[in-house]
Amino acid sequence: MKQYFIIKNNQKHLLLFFAGWGMDEHPFLQYAPQDSDFMICYDYRTLDFDTSPLTGYTVIDVVAWSMGVWAASQVLSKVSLPIRRRIAINGTPFPIDEKRGIPPAIFMGTLEGLNEASLRKFQRRMCADGNVFARFQLTAPERSIEELKEELENNMYPVDLADLMEGFSQKQLVMVFSVKVIVFFLPLTSAQPGKEFPCLI
């Protein structure tokens, strides 16, 4: 896993963002949270996670998107960090699963057919319309097809949701709908159903 500081101003608050499959820092360089440092994690060919750059932070907010939800669930269960809030966007701890994730047949088809054209099609579907896709292309990730295949092949194993949810009550798990994504706040602070969350891209 790669960890990259987009903003490092020695703040006490850190936004720790686990990006989706195929991403790098480029699509997120323009995002600037207020009064917070900003680290992005990506490239899940391995799940090596270095906590040493995070030792000075007193508050960490975690946001995970798509395959980053799975990666975050894997690494954060093994470390002790001052995490205030965990937010999962359009992802699952079960990345390859017939009912709770991507059906295995679709996953294998994506892996076996991955090339420049299919990647571009994937990225187009990720964007709302042609204008958004055109803007995305200006800051698109700069990773090779071979690297992206390795990322799909390596480490894509689900975790036990019961283990992930241990210690949280039902009142602490609230499904929040905003901008057509499902957002989970763990643990719940002041979140309310319908609360908007700013898109990162």
N, C-alpha and C. Protein backbone atom coordinates (compact mmCIF):
# COMPACT_ATOMS: atom_id res chain seq x y z
N MET A 1 0.84 -1.19 0.00
CA MET A 1 0.00 0.00 0.00
C MET A 1 0.88 1.25 0.00
N LYS A 2 0.46 2.22 -0.77
CA LYS A 2 1.18 3.49 -0.79
C LYS A 2 0.42 4.52 0.03
N GLN A 3 1.17 5.29 0.80
CA GLN A 3 0.60 6.35 1.63
C GLN A 3 1.25 7.66 1.20
N TYR A 4 0.42 8.63 0.84
CA TYR A 4 0.94 9.87 0.25
C TYR A 4 0.26 11.06 0.92
N PHE A 5 1.07 11.95 1.47
CA PHE A 5 0.53 13.17 2.06
C PHE A 5 0.25 14.18 0.95
N ILE A 6 -1.02 14.51 0.76
CA ILE A 6 -1.38 15.60 -0.14
C ILE A 6 -1.22 16.94 0.58
N ILE A 7 -1.57 16.97 1.86
CA ILE A 7 -1.35 18.15 2.69
C ILE A 7 -0.67 17.70 3.98
N LYS A 8 0.45 18.34 4.29
CA LYS A 8 1.15 18.05 5.55
C LYS A 8 1.66 19.36 6.13
N ASN A 9 0.83 19.95 6.99
CA ASN A 9 1.14 21.24 7.61
C ASN A 9 1.26 21.14 9.13
N ASN A 10 1.54 19.92 9.60
CA ASN A 10 1.72 19.68 11.04
C ASN A 10 0.48 20.06 11.85
N GLN A 11 -0.69 19.78 11.27
CA GLN A 11 -1.94 19.95 12.00
C GLN A 11 -2.11 18.78 12.99
N LYS A 12 -3.00 18.93 13.93
CA LYS A 12 -3.30 17.85 14.87
C LYS A 12 -4.40 16.92 14.33
N HIS A 13 -5.09 17.39 13.29
CA HIS A 13 -6.20 16.64 12.71
C HIS A 13 -5.76 16.10 11.35
N LEU A 14 -6.06 14.85 11.08
CA LEU A 14 -5.72 14.22 9.80
C LEU A 14 -6.96 13.63 9.15
N LEU A 15 -7.13 13.90 7.86
CA LEU A 15 -8.09 13.18 7.03
C LEU A 15 -7.33 12.06 6.34
N LEU A 16 -7.68 10.82 6.67
CA LEU A 16 -7.03 9.64 6.12
C LEU A 16 -7.98 8.99 5.12
N PHE A 17 -7.62 9.05 3.85
CA PHE A 17 -8.52 8.63 2.77
C PHE A 17 -7.99 7.37 2.09
N PHE A 18 -8.79 6.33 2.06
CA PHE A 18 -8.48 5.09 1.35
C PHE A 18 -9.21 5.14 0.00
N ALA A 19 -8.46 5.33 -1.06
CA ALA A 19 -9.05 5.47 -2.39
C ALA A 19 -9.46 4.11 -2.96
N GLY A 20 -10.16 4.14 -4.08
CA GLY A 20 -10.62 2.92 -4.71
C GLY A 20 -9.56 2.26 -5.57
N TRP A 21 -9.95 1.13 -6.16
CA TRP A 21 -9.04 0.38 -7.03
C TRP A 21 -8.60 1.25 -8.21
N GLY A 22 -7.33 1.12 -8.55
CA GLY A 22 -6.81 1.80 -9.73
C GLY A 22 -6.46 3.25 -9.53
N MET A 23 -6.66 3.77 -8.33
CA MET A 23 -6.42 5.19 -8.09
C MET A 23 -4.97 5.45 -7.68
N ASP A 24 -4.60 6.72 -7.75
CA ASP A 24 -3.40 7.24 -7.11
C ASP A 24 -3.74 8.63 -6.57
N GLU A 25 -2.74 9.43 -6.28
CA GLU A 25 -3.02 10.73 -5.67
C GLU A 25 -3.56 11.77 -6.63
N HIS A 26 -3.34 11.61 -7.94
CA HIS A 26 -3.62 12.69 -8.90
C HIS A 26 -5.07 13.20 -8.91
N PRO A 27 -6.08 12.33 -8.87
CA PRO A 27 -7.45 12.87 -8.91
C PRO A 27 -7.84 13.68 -7.68
N PHE A 28 -7.03 13.62 -6.62
CA PHE A 28 -7.43 14.21 -5.34
C PHE A 28 -6.53 15.36 -4.89
N LEU A 29 -5.63 15.78 -5.76
CA LEU A 29 -4.66 16.80 -5.37
C LEU A 29 -5.29 18.15 -5.10
N GLN A 30 -6.45 18.42 -5.69
CA GLN A 30 -7.08 19.72 -5.51
C GLN A 30 -7.98 19.79 -4.28
N TYR A 31 -8.20 18.64 -3.63
CA TYR A 31 -9.08 18.65 -2.46
C TYR A 31 -8.28 19.13 -1.26
N ALA A 32 -8.81 20.13 -0.53
CA ALA A 32 -8.08 20.75 0.58
C ALA A 32 -9.00 20.91 1.78
N PRO A 33 -9.06 19.92 2.67
CA PRO A 33 -9.87 20.07 3.88
C PRO A 33 -9.32 21.18 4.77
N GLN A 34 -10.20 21.87 5.46
CA GLN A 34 -9.78 22.98 6.30
C GLN A 34 -9.22 22.46 7.63
N ASP A 35 -8.14 23.11 8.07
CA ASP A 35 -7.55 22.81 9.39
C ASP A 35 -7.23 21.34 9.56
N SER A 36 -6.75 20.72 8.50
CA SER A 36 -6.47 19.30 8.57
C SER A 36 -5.38 18.93 7.58
N ASP A 37 -4.52 18.02 7.97
CA ASP A 37 -3.64 17.38 7.00
C ASP A 37 -4.44 16.32 6.24
N PHE A 38 -3.88 15.86 5.13
CA PHE A 38 -4.64 14.98 4.24
C PHE A 38 -3.70 13.93 3.66
N MET A 39 -3.96 12.67 4.00
CA MET A 39 -3.18 11.56 3.47
C MET A 39 -4.09 10.65 2.66
N ILE A 40 -3.61 10.21 1.50
CA ILE A 40 -4.34 9.25 0.68
C ILE A 40 -3.59 7.91 0.70
N CYS A 41 -4.34 6.84 0.77
CA CYS A 41 -3.81 5.49 0.68
C CYS A 41 -4.35 4.85 -0.60
N TYR A 42 -3.49 4.15 -1.33
CA TYR A 42 -3.92 3.49 -2.56
C TYR A 42 -2.93 2.39 -2.90
N ASP A 43 -3.17 1.67 -3.97
CA ASP A 43 -2.33 0.57 -4.44
C ASP A 43 -2.33 -0.57 -3.42
N TYR A 44 -3.36 -1.40 -3.49
CA TYR A 44 -3.55 -2.46 -2.52
C TYR A 44 -2.98 -3.80 -2.98
N ARG A 45 -1.88 -3.75 -3.72
CA ARG A 45 -1.18 -5.00 -4.07
C ARG A 45 -0.61 -5.66 -2.81
N THR A 46 -0.26 -4.86 -1.83
CA THR A 46 0.02 -5.35 -0.49
C THR A 46 -0.76 -4.47 0.48
N LEU A 47 -0.91 -4.95 1.70
CA LEU A 47 -1.63 -4.18 2.70
C LEU A 47 -0.68 -3.71 3.80
N ASP A 48 0.58 -3.50 3.46
CA ASP A 48 1.53 -2.93 4.42
C ASP A 48 1.11 -1.50 4.74
N PHE A 49 0.94 -1.21 6.02
CA PHE A 49 0.46 0.10 6.44
C PHE A 49 1.38 0.62 7.53
N ASP A 50 2.02 1.76 7.29
CA ASP A 50 2.98 2.35 8.21
C ASP A 50 2.28 3.38 9.08
N THR A 51 2.21 3.13 10.37
CA THR A 51 1.55 4.07 11.28
C THR A 51 2.49 5.17 11.78
N SER A 52 3.78 5.05 11.52
CA SER A 52 4.73 6.02 12.09
C SER A 52 4.47 7.45 11.62
N PRO A 53 4.03 7.71 10.37
CA PRO A 53 3.74 9.11 10.00
C PRO A 53 2.50 9.68 10.68
N LEU A 54 1.75 8.84 11.40
CA LEU A 54 0.49 9.28 11.98
C LEU A 54 0.59 9.50 13.49
N THR A 55 1.77 9.35 14.05
CA THR A 55 1.90 9.37 15.51
C THR A 55 1.60 10.73 16.13
N GLY A 56 1.77 11.83 15.39
CA GLY A 56 1.55 13.15 15.96
C GLY A 56 0.12 13.63 15.96
N TYR A 57 -0.80 12.87 15.39
CA TYR A 57 -2.18 13.33 15.26
C TYR A 57 -3.02 12.93 16.47
N THR A 58 -3.84 13.86 16.92
CA THR A 58 -4.74 13.59 18.04
C THR A 58 -6.13 13.21 17.58
N VAL A 59 -6.49 13.58 16.35
CA VAL A 59 -7.80 13.23 15.78
C VAL A 59 -7.59 12.79 14.33
N ILE A 60 -8.12 11.63 13.99
CA ILE A 60 -8.05 11.13 12.62
C ILE A 60 -9.46 10.77 12.16
N ASP A 61 -9.86 11.34 11.04
CA ASP A 61 -11.11 10.96 10.40
C ASP A 61 -10.78 10.10 9.18
N VAL A 62 -11.40 8.95 9.10
CA VAL A 62 -11.14 8.00 8.02
C VAL A 62 -12.28 8.03 7.03
N VAL A 63 -11.96 8.20 5.76
CA VAL A 63 -12.92 8.08 4.67
C VAL A 63 -12.40 7.00 3.73
N ALA A 64 -13.25 6.04 3.40
CA ALA A 64 -12.86 4.97 2.49
C ALA A 64 -13.88 4.88 1.36
N TRP A 65 -13.37 4.69 0.16
CA TRP A 65 -14.22 4.69 -1.03
C TRP A 65 -13.98 3.42 -1.83
N SER A 66 -15.07 2.77 -2.23
CA SER A 66 -15.02 1.62 -3.12
C SER A 66 -14.12 0.53 -2.54
N MET A 67 -13.12 0.05 -3.29
CA MET A 67 -12.25 -1.00 -2.78
C MET A 67 -11.45 -0.55 -1.56
N GLY A 68 -11.37 0.77 -1.37
CA GLY A 68 -10.71 1.27 -0.17
C GLY A 68 -11.45 0.92 1.11
N VAL A 69 -12.75 0.66 1.03
CA VAL A 69 -13.51 0.22 2.21
C VAL A 69 -12.96 -1.11 2.69
N TRP A 70 -12.74 -2.02 1.75
CA TRP A 70 -12.16 -3.31 2.11
C TRP A 70 -10.75 -3.15 2.68
N ALA A 71 -9.92 -2.34 2.02
CA ALA A 71 -8.55 -2.15 2.48
C ALA A 71 -8.52 -1.54 3.88
N ALA A 72 -9.35 -0.53 4.11
CA ALA A 72 -9.39 0.11 5.43
C ALA A 72 -9.84 -0.88 6.50
N SER A 73 -10.83 -1.71 6.18
CA SER A 73 -11.31 -2.69 7.16
C SER A 73 -10.23 -3.70 7.51
N GLN A 74 -9.35 -3.97 6.55
CA GLN A 74 -8.26 -4.90 6.80
C GLN A 74 -7.18 -4.31 7.70
N VAL A 75 -6.72 -3.11 7.37
CA VAL A 75 -5.55 -2.57 8.08
C VAL A 75 -5.92 -1.90 9.40
N LEU A 76 -7.07 -1.23 9.48
CA LEU A 76 -7.40 -0.48 10.69
C LEU A 76 -7.80 -1.39 11.85
N SER A 77 -8.16 -2.62 11.54
CA SER A 77 -8.49 -3.56 12.62
C SER A 77 -7.24 -4.06 13.33
N LYS A 78 -6.07 -3.76 12.77
CA LYS A 78 -4.81 -4.28 13.32
C LYS A 78 -3.96 -3.20 13.96
N VAL A 79 -4.42 -1.95 13.95
CA VAL A 79 -3.62 -0.85 14.47
C VAL A 79 -4.44 -0.05 15.48
N SER A 80 -3.73 0.72 16.29
CA SER A 80 -4.39 1.59 17.27
C SER A 80 -4.11 3.03 16.89
N LEU A 81 -5.16 3.75 16.48
CA LEU A 81 -5.05 5.14 16.06
C LEU A 81 -6.19 5.94 16.70
N PRO A 82 -6.00 7.24 16.90
CA PRO A 82 -7.06 8.08 17.49
C PRO A 82 -8.15 8.43 16.48
N ILE A 83 -8.86 7.42 16.03
CA ILE A 83 -9.88 7.60 14.99
C ILE A 83 -11.17 8.11 15.61
N ARG A 84 -11.64 9.25 15.12
CA ARG A 84 -12.88 9.85 15.60
C ARG A 84 -14.08 9.35 14.81
N ARG A 85 -13.89 9.17 13.51
CA ARG A 85 -15.02 8.86 12.64
C ARG A 85 -14.54 8.01 11.48
N ARG A 86 -15.36 7.05 11.08
CA ARG A 86 -15.07 6.19 9.93
C ARG A 86 -16.23 6.32 8.96
N ILE A 87 -15.93 6.64 7.72
CA ILE A 87 -16.97 6.85 6.71
C ILE A 87 -16.66 5.96 5.51
N ALA A 88 -17.60 5.13 5.13
CA ALA A 88 -17.44 4.24 3.98
C ALA A 88 -18.38 4.67 2.88
N ILE A 89 -17.85 4.83 1.67
CA ILE A 89 -18.63 5.30 0.53
C ILE A 89 -18.58 4.25 -0.58
N ASN A 90 -19.76 3.73 -0.92
CA ASN A 90 -19.88 2.81 -2.07
C ASN A 90 -18.87 1.68 -2.03
N GLY A 91 -18.76 1.05 -0.87
CA GLY A 91 -17.82 -0.07 -0.75
C GLY A 91 -18.35 -1.10 0.22
N THR A 92 -17.61 -2.19 0.37
CA THR A 92 -18.02 -3.30 1.22
C THR A 92 -16.78 -4.01 1.74
N PRO A 93 -16.85 -4.60 2.95
CA PRO A 93 -15.75 -5.43 3.42
C PRO A 93 -15.65 -6.76 2.68
N PHE A 94 -16.63 -7.04 1.82
CA PHE A 94 -16.66 -8.29 1.06
C PHE A 94 -16.53 -7.96 -0.43
N PRO A 95 -15.34 -7.67 -0.91
CA PRO A 95 -15.20 -7.15 -2.27
C PRO A 95 -15.62 -8.12 -3.35
N ILE A 96 -15.38 -9.41 -3.14
CA ILE A 96 -15.76 -10.42 -4.13
C ILE A 96 -16.73 -11.37 -3.45
N ASP A 97 -18.00 -11.14 -3.67
CA ASP A 97 -19.02 -11.91 -2.98
C ASP A 97 -20.31 -11.84 -3.79
N GLU A 98 -20.97 -12.96 -3.92
CA GLU A 98 -22.16 -13.04 -4.78
C GLU A 98 -23.27 -12.10 -4.33
N LYS A 99 -23.42 -11.90 -3.02
CA LYS A 99 -24.52 -11.10 -2.50
C LYS A 99 -24.06 -9.78 -1.87
N ARG A 100 -22.84 -9.74 -1.34
CA ARG A 100 -22.43 -8.58 -0.56
C ARG A 100 -21.33 -7.75 -1.23
N GLY A 101 -20.98 -8.11 -2.45
CA GLY A 101 -19.92 -7.40 -3.15
C GLY A 101 -20.05 -7.58 -4.65
N ILE A 102 -18.90 -7.70 -5.33
CA ILE A 102 -18.89 -7.92 -6.77
C ILE A 102 -19.02 -9.42 -7.02
N PRO A 103 -20.01 -9.85 -7.81
CA PRO A 103 -20.12 -11.28 -8.11
C PRO A 103 -18.81 -11.81 -8.71
N PRO A 104 -18.37 -13.01 -8.31
CA PRO A 104 -17.09 -13.54 -8.78
C PRO A 104 -16.96 -13.58 -10.30
N ALA A 105 -18.05 -13.90 -11.02
CA ALA A 105 -17.97 -13.97 -12.48
C ALA A 105 -17.66 -12.60 -13.08
N ILE A 106 -18.26 -11.55 -12.54
CA ILE A 106 -18.00 -10.19 -13.04
C ILE A 106 -16.57 -9.78 -12.70
N PHE A 107 -16.13 -10.13 -11.51
CA PHE A 107 -14.76 -9.80 -11.11
C PHE A 107 -13.75 -10.46 -12.05
N MET A 108 -13.93 -11.76 -12.32
CA MET A 108 -12.99 -12.46 -13.18
C MET A 108 -13.03 -11.91 -14.60
N GLY A 109 -14.22 -11.53 -15.07
CA GLY A 109 -14.31 -10.94 -16.40
C GLY A 109 -13.57 -9.62 -16.47
N THR A 110 -13.67 -8.82 -15.41
CA THR A 110 -12.93 -7.56 -15.37
C THR A 110 -11.43 -7.81 -15.38
N LEU A 111 -10.99 -8.75 -14.58
CA LEU A 111 -9.56 -9.06 -14.50
C LEU A 111 -9.02 -9.59 -15.82
N GLU A 112 -9.71 -10.56 -16.42
CA GLU A 112 -9.22 -11.19 -17.63
C GLU A 112 -9.29 -10.26 -18.84
N GLY A 113 -10.25 -9.33 -18.85
CA GLY A 113 -10.41 -8.45 -20.00
C GLY A 113 -9.82 -7.07 -19.82
N LEU A 114 -9.02 -6.88 -18.75
CA LEU A 114 -8.52 -5.54 -18.45
C LEU A 114 -7.47 -5.10 -19.47
N ASN A 115 -7.73 -3.96 -20.10
CA ASN A 115 -6.78 -3.33 -21.01
C ASN A 115 -7.06 -1.83 -21.00
N GLU A 116 -6.37 -1.09 -21.82
CA GLU A 116 -6.54 0.37 -21.82
C GLU A 116 -7.97 0.78 -22.16
N ALA A 117 -8.57 0.08 -23.13
CA ALA A 117 -9.94 0.41 -23.54
C ALA A 117 -10.95 0.10 -22.44
N SER A 118 -10.83 -1.07 -21.81
CA SER A 118 -11.78 -1.44 -20.77
C SER A 118 -11.60 -0.57 -19.52
N LEU A 119 -10.35 -0.16 -19.24
CA LEU A 119 -10.12 0.73 -18.11
C LEU A 119 -10.79 2.09 -18.36
N ARG A 120 -10.66 2.59 -19.57
CA ARG A 120 -11.30 3.86 -19.91
C ARG A 120 -12.82 3.75 -19.78
N LYS A 121 -13.39 2.61 -20.18
CA LYS A 121 -14.83 2.40 -20.05
C LYS A 121 -15.23 2.36 -18.58
N PHE A 122 -14.42 1.70 -17.77
CA PHE A 122 -14.68 1.65 -16.33
C PHE A 122 -14.68 3.06 -15.73
N GLN A 123 -13.70 3.85 -16.10
CA GLN A 123 -13.60 5.21 -15.58
C GLN A 123 -14.75 6.07 -16.07
N ARG A 124 -15.20 5.86 -17.30
CA ARG A 124 -16.34 6.61 -17.82
C ARG A 124 -17.61 6.31 -17.02
N ARG A 125 -17.83 5.03 -16.69
CA ARG A 125 -19.00 4.66 -15.90
C ARG A 125 -18.92 5.23 -14.48
N MET A 126 -17.72 5.47 -14.03
CA MET A 126 -17.51 6.01 -12.69
C MET A 126 -17.95 7.47 -12.60
N CYS A 127 -17.97 8.15 -13.74
CA CYS A 127 -18.29 9.58 -13.78
C CYS A 127 -19.76 9.79 -14.16
N ALA A 128 -20.30 10.90 -13.71
CA ALA A 128 -21.74 11.14 -13.90
C ALA A 128 -22.11 11.36 -15.36
N ASP A 129 -21.27 12.06 -16.11
CA ASP A 129 -21.57 12.34 -17.51
C ASP A 129 -20.28 12.63 -18.25
N GLY A 130 -20.39 12.96 -19.53
CA GLY A 130 -19.22 13.20 -20.35
C GLY A 130 -18.37 14.36 -19.88
N ASN A 131 -19.00 15.41 -19.36
CA ASN A 131 -18.25 16.56 -18.88
C ASN A 131 -17.41 16.20 -17.65
N VAL A 132 -18.01 15.44 -16.74
CA VAL A 132 -17.28 15.00 -15.55
C VAL A 132 -16.12 14.10 -15.96
N PHE A 133 -16.38 13.21 -16.92
CA PHE A 133 -15.33 12.31 -17.39
C PHE A 133 -14.18 13.09 -18.03
N ALA A 134 -14.50 14.10 -18.79
CA ALA A 134 -13.46 14.93 -19.42
C ALA A 134 -12.60 15.61 -18.37
N ARG A 135 -13.22 16.10 -17.30
CA ARG A 135 -12.46 16.72 -16.22
C ARG A 135 -11.61 15.69 -15.49
N PHE A 136 -12.18 14.51 -15.31
CA PHE A 136 -11.45 13.44 -14.64
C PHE A 136 -10.18 13.08 -15.41
N GLN A 137 -10.28 13.06 -16.73
CA GLN A 137 -9.13 12.70 -17.55
C GLN A 137 -7.95 13.66 -17.37
N LEU A 138 -8.23 14.88 -16.97
CA LEU A 138 -7.16 15.85 -16.76
C LEU A 138 -6.32 15.52 -15.53
N THR A 139 -6.90 14.78 -14.61
CA THR A 139 -6.18 14.41 -13.38
C THR A 139 -6.24 12.90 -13.15
N ALA A 140 -6.33 12.14 -14.22
CA ALA A 140 -6.50 10.69 -14.10
C ALA A 140 -5.28 10.04 -13.46
N PRO A 141 -5.48 8.89 -12.80
CA PRO A 141 -4.35 8.17 -12.22
C PRO A 141 -3.32 7.80 -13.28
N GLU A 142 -2.07 7.69 -12.86
CA GLU A 142 -0.97 7.37 -13.77
C GLU A 142 -0.35 6.04 -13.38
N ARG A 143 -1.14 4.99 -13.55
CA ARG A 143 -0.69 3.64 -13.19
C ARG A 143 -0.84 2.72 -14.38
N SER A 144 0.01 1.71 -14.47
CA SER A 144 0.02 0.81 -15.62
C SER A 144 -1.07 -0.25 -15.49
N ILE A 145 -1.45 -0.83 -16.63
CA ILE A 145 -2.43 -1.92 -16.64
C ILE A 145 -1.90 -3.11 -15.87
N GLU A 146 -0.63 -3.42 -16.00
CA GLU A 146 -0.03 -4.55 -15.29
C GLU A 146 -0.16 -4.37 -13.78
N GLU A 147 0.06 -3.15 -13.33
CA GLU A 147 -0.04 -2.86 -11.90
C GLU A 147 -1.48 -3.01 -11.42
N LEU A 148 -2.43 -2.54 -12.23
CA LEU A 148 -3.83 -2.65 -11.84
C LEU A 148 -4.30 -4.10 -11.80
N LYS A 149 -3.79 -4.92 -12.71
CA LYS A 149 -4.12 -6.35 -12.68
C LYS A 149 -3.60 -6.99 -11.40
N GLU A 150 -2.38 -6.64 -11.03
CA GLU A 150 -1.81 -7.18 -9.80
C GLU A 150 -2.65 -6.76 -8.59
N GLU A 151 -3.15 -5.54 -8.63
CA GLU A 151 -3.95 -5.06 -7.51
C GLU A 151 -5.24 -5.86 -7.38
N LEU A 152 -5.82 -6.26 -8.51
CA LEU A 152 -7.02 -7.10 -8.46
C LEU A 152 -6.69 -8.51 -8.00
N GLU A 153 -5.56 -9.03 -8.43
CA GLU A 153 -5.20 -10.41 -8.13
C GLU A 153 -4.79 -10.62 -6.68
N ASN A 154 -4.16 -9.61 -6.08
CA ASN A 154 -3.56 -9.78 -4.76
C ASN A 154 -4.49 -9.33 -3.65
N ASN A 155 -4.58 -10.14 -2.61
CA ASN A 155 -5.19 -9.73 -1.35
C ASN A 155 -6.68 -9.47 -1.38
N MET A 156 -7.40 -9.81 -2.44
CA MET A 156 -8.82 -9.48 -2.49
C MET A 156 -9.64 -10.55 -1.77
N TYR A 157 -9.47 -10.60 -0.46
CA TYR A 157 -10.19 -11.58 0.35
C TYR A 157 -11.08 -10.86 1.35
N PRO A 158 -12.31 -11.34 1.54
CA PRO A 158 -13.23 -10.64 2.44
C PRO A 158 -12.87 -10.86 3.90
N VAL A 159 -13.43 -10.01 4.76
CA VAL A 159 -13.27 -10.15 6.20
C VAL A 159 -14.62 -10.51 6.80
N ASP A 160 -14.60 -10.96 8.03
CA ASP A 160 -15.83 -11.31 8.74
C ASP A 160 -16.50 -10.04 9.22
N LEU A 161 -17.69 -9.75 8.72
CA LEU A 161 -18.37 -8.53 9.08
C LEU A 161 -18.67 -8.49 10.57
N ALA A 162 -18.92 -9.64 11.18
CA ALA A 162 -19.18 -9.67 12.62
C ALA A 162 -17.97 -9.17 13.40
N ASP A 163 -16.78 -9.55 12.97
CA ASP A 163 -15.57 -9.06 13.62
C ASP A 163 -15.42 -7.57 13.40
N LEU A 164 -15.72 -7.11 12.19
CA LEU A 164 -15.57 -5.69 11.88
C LEU A 164 -16.51 -4.84 12.73
N MET A 165 -17.73 -5.35 12.99
CA MET A 165 -18.74 -4.58 13.68
C MET A 165 -18.71 -4.77 15.19
N GLU A 166 -17.83 -5.62 15.68
CA GLU A 166 -17.79 -5.89 17.11
C GLU A 166 -17.55 -4.59 17.90
N GLY A 167 -18.34 -4.35 18.91
CA GLY A 167 -18.18 -3.17 19.73
C GLY A 167 -19.10 -2.02 19.33
N PHE A 168 -19.81 -2.14 18.20
CA PHE A 168 -20.73 -1.09 17.78
C PHE A 168 -22.17 -1.56 17.99
N SER A 169 -23.01 -0.69 18.54
CA SER A 169 -24.42 -1.01 18.69
C SER A 169 -25.16 -0.61 17.42
N GLN A 170 -26.41 -1.05 17.31
CA GLN A 170 -27.20 -0.70 16.14
C GLN A 170 -27.40 0.80 16.05
N LYS A 171 -27.46 1.50 17.18
CA LYS A 171 -27.66 2.94 17.16
C LYS A 171 -26.44 3.66 16.61
N GLN A 172 -25.29 3.00 16.61
CA GLN A 172 -24.08 3.63 16.11
C GLN A 172 -23.88 3.42 14.62
N LEU A 173 -24.74 2.65 14.01
CA LEU A 173 -24.65 2.38 12.57
C LEU A 173 -25.86 2.98 11.90
N VAL A 174 -25.66 4.09 11.23
CA VAL A 174 -26.75 4.81 10.59
C VAL A 174 -26.47 4.91 9.11
N MET A 175 -27.42 4.51 8.31
CA MET A 175 -27.26 4.63 6.87
C MET A 175 -27.70 6.02 6.45
N VAL A 176 -26.84 6.72 5.80
CA VAL A 176 -27.10 8.10 5.40
C VAL A 176 -27.07 8.17 3.88
N PHE A 177 -28.13 8.72 3.29
CA PHE A 177 -28.19 8.83 1.85
C PHE A 177 -27.88 10.25 1.42
N SER A 178 -26.90 10.38 0.52
CA SER A 178 -26.54 11.70 0.03
C SER A 178 -25.85 11.54 -1.31
N VAL A 179 -26.16 12.43 -2.24
CA VAL A 179 -25.59 12.44 -3.59
C VAL A 179 -25.48 11.04 -4.19
N LYS A 180 -26.55 10.25 -3.99
CA LYS A 180 -26.66 8.93 -4.59
C LYS A 180 -25.59 7.95 -4.14
N VAL A 181 -25.03 8.15 -2.97
CA VAL A 181 -24.13 7.16 -2.41
C VAL A 181 -24.64 6.81 -1.01
N ILE A 182 -24.24 5.64 -0.54
CA ILE A 182 -24.60 5.23 0.80
C ILE A 182 -23.39 5.48 1.70
N VAL A 183 -23.61 6.18 2.79
CA VAL A 183 -22.53 6.57 3.67
C VAL A 183 -22.78 5.98 5.04
N PHE A 184 -21.78 5.35 5.63
CA PHE A 184 -21.88 4.82 6.97
C PHE A 184 -20.98 5.62 7.89
N PHE A 185 -21.51 6.07 9.03
CA PHE A 185 -20.71 6.77 10.02
C PHE A 185 -20.43 5.80 11.17
N LEU A 186 -19.17 5.50 11.41
CA LEU A 186 -18.78 4.60 12.49
C LEU A 186 -17.63 5.21 13.28
N PRO A 187 -17.77 5.54 14.55
CA PRO A 187 -19.02 5.51 15.29
C PRO A 187 -19.84 6.76 15.01
N LEU A 188 -21.09 6.73 15.32
CA LEU A 188 -22.00 7.85 15.07
C LEU A 188 -21.69 9.00 16.02
N THR A 189 -21.56 10.18 15.48
CA THR A 189 -21.41 11.36 16.34
C THR A 189 -22.67 12.20 16.17
N SER A 190 -22.64 13.22 15.32
CA SER A 190 -23.82 14.07 15.14
C SER A 190 -24.51 13.80 13.81
N ALA A 191 -24.18 12.67 13.16
CA ALA A 191 -24.76 12.38 11.85
C ALA A 191 -26.25 12.11 11.97
N GLN A 192 -27.00 12.59 11.00
CA GLN A 192 -28.42 12.35 10.94
C GLN A 192 -28.77 11.88 9.53
N PRO A 193 -29.82 11.04 9.38
CA PRO A 193 -30.24 10.65 8.03
C PRO A 193 -30.48 11.87 7.16
N GLY A 194 -29.94 11.83 5.96
CA GLY A 194 -30.10 12.94 5.05
C GLY A 194 -28.97 13.95 5.11
N LYS A 195 -28.06 13.79 6.08
CA LYS A 195 -26.94 14.71 6.20
C LYS A 195 -26.08 14.61 4.96
N GLU A 196 -25.72 15.72 4.37
CA GLU A 196 -24.91 15.72 3.15
C GLU A 196 -23.44 15.56 3.48
N PHE A 197 -22.76 14.89 2.59
CA PHE A 197 -21.32 14.71 2.74
C PHE A 197 -20.66 15.15 1.43
N PRO A 198 -19.64 15.98 1.50
CA PRO A 198 -19.06 16.49 0.26
C PRO A 198 -18.36 15.41 -0.54
N CYS A 199 -18.60 15.38 -1.84
CA CYS A 199 -17.90 14.43 -2.70
C CYS A 199 -16.42 14.79 -2.74
N LEU A 200 -15.58 13.79 -2.82
CA LEU A 200 -14.15 14.03 -2.92
C LEU A 200 -13.71 14.21 -4.36
N ILE A 201 -14.49 13.75 -5.32
CA ILE A 201 -14.14 13.95 -6.71
C ILE A 201 -15.37 14.42 -7.47
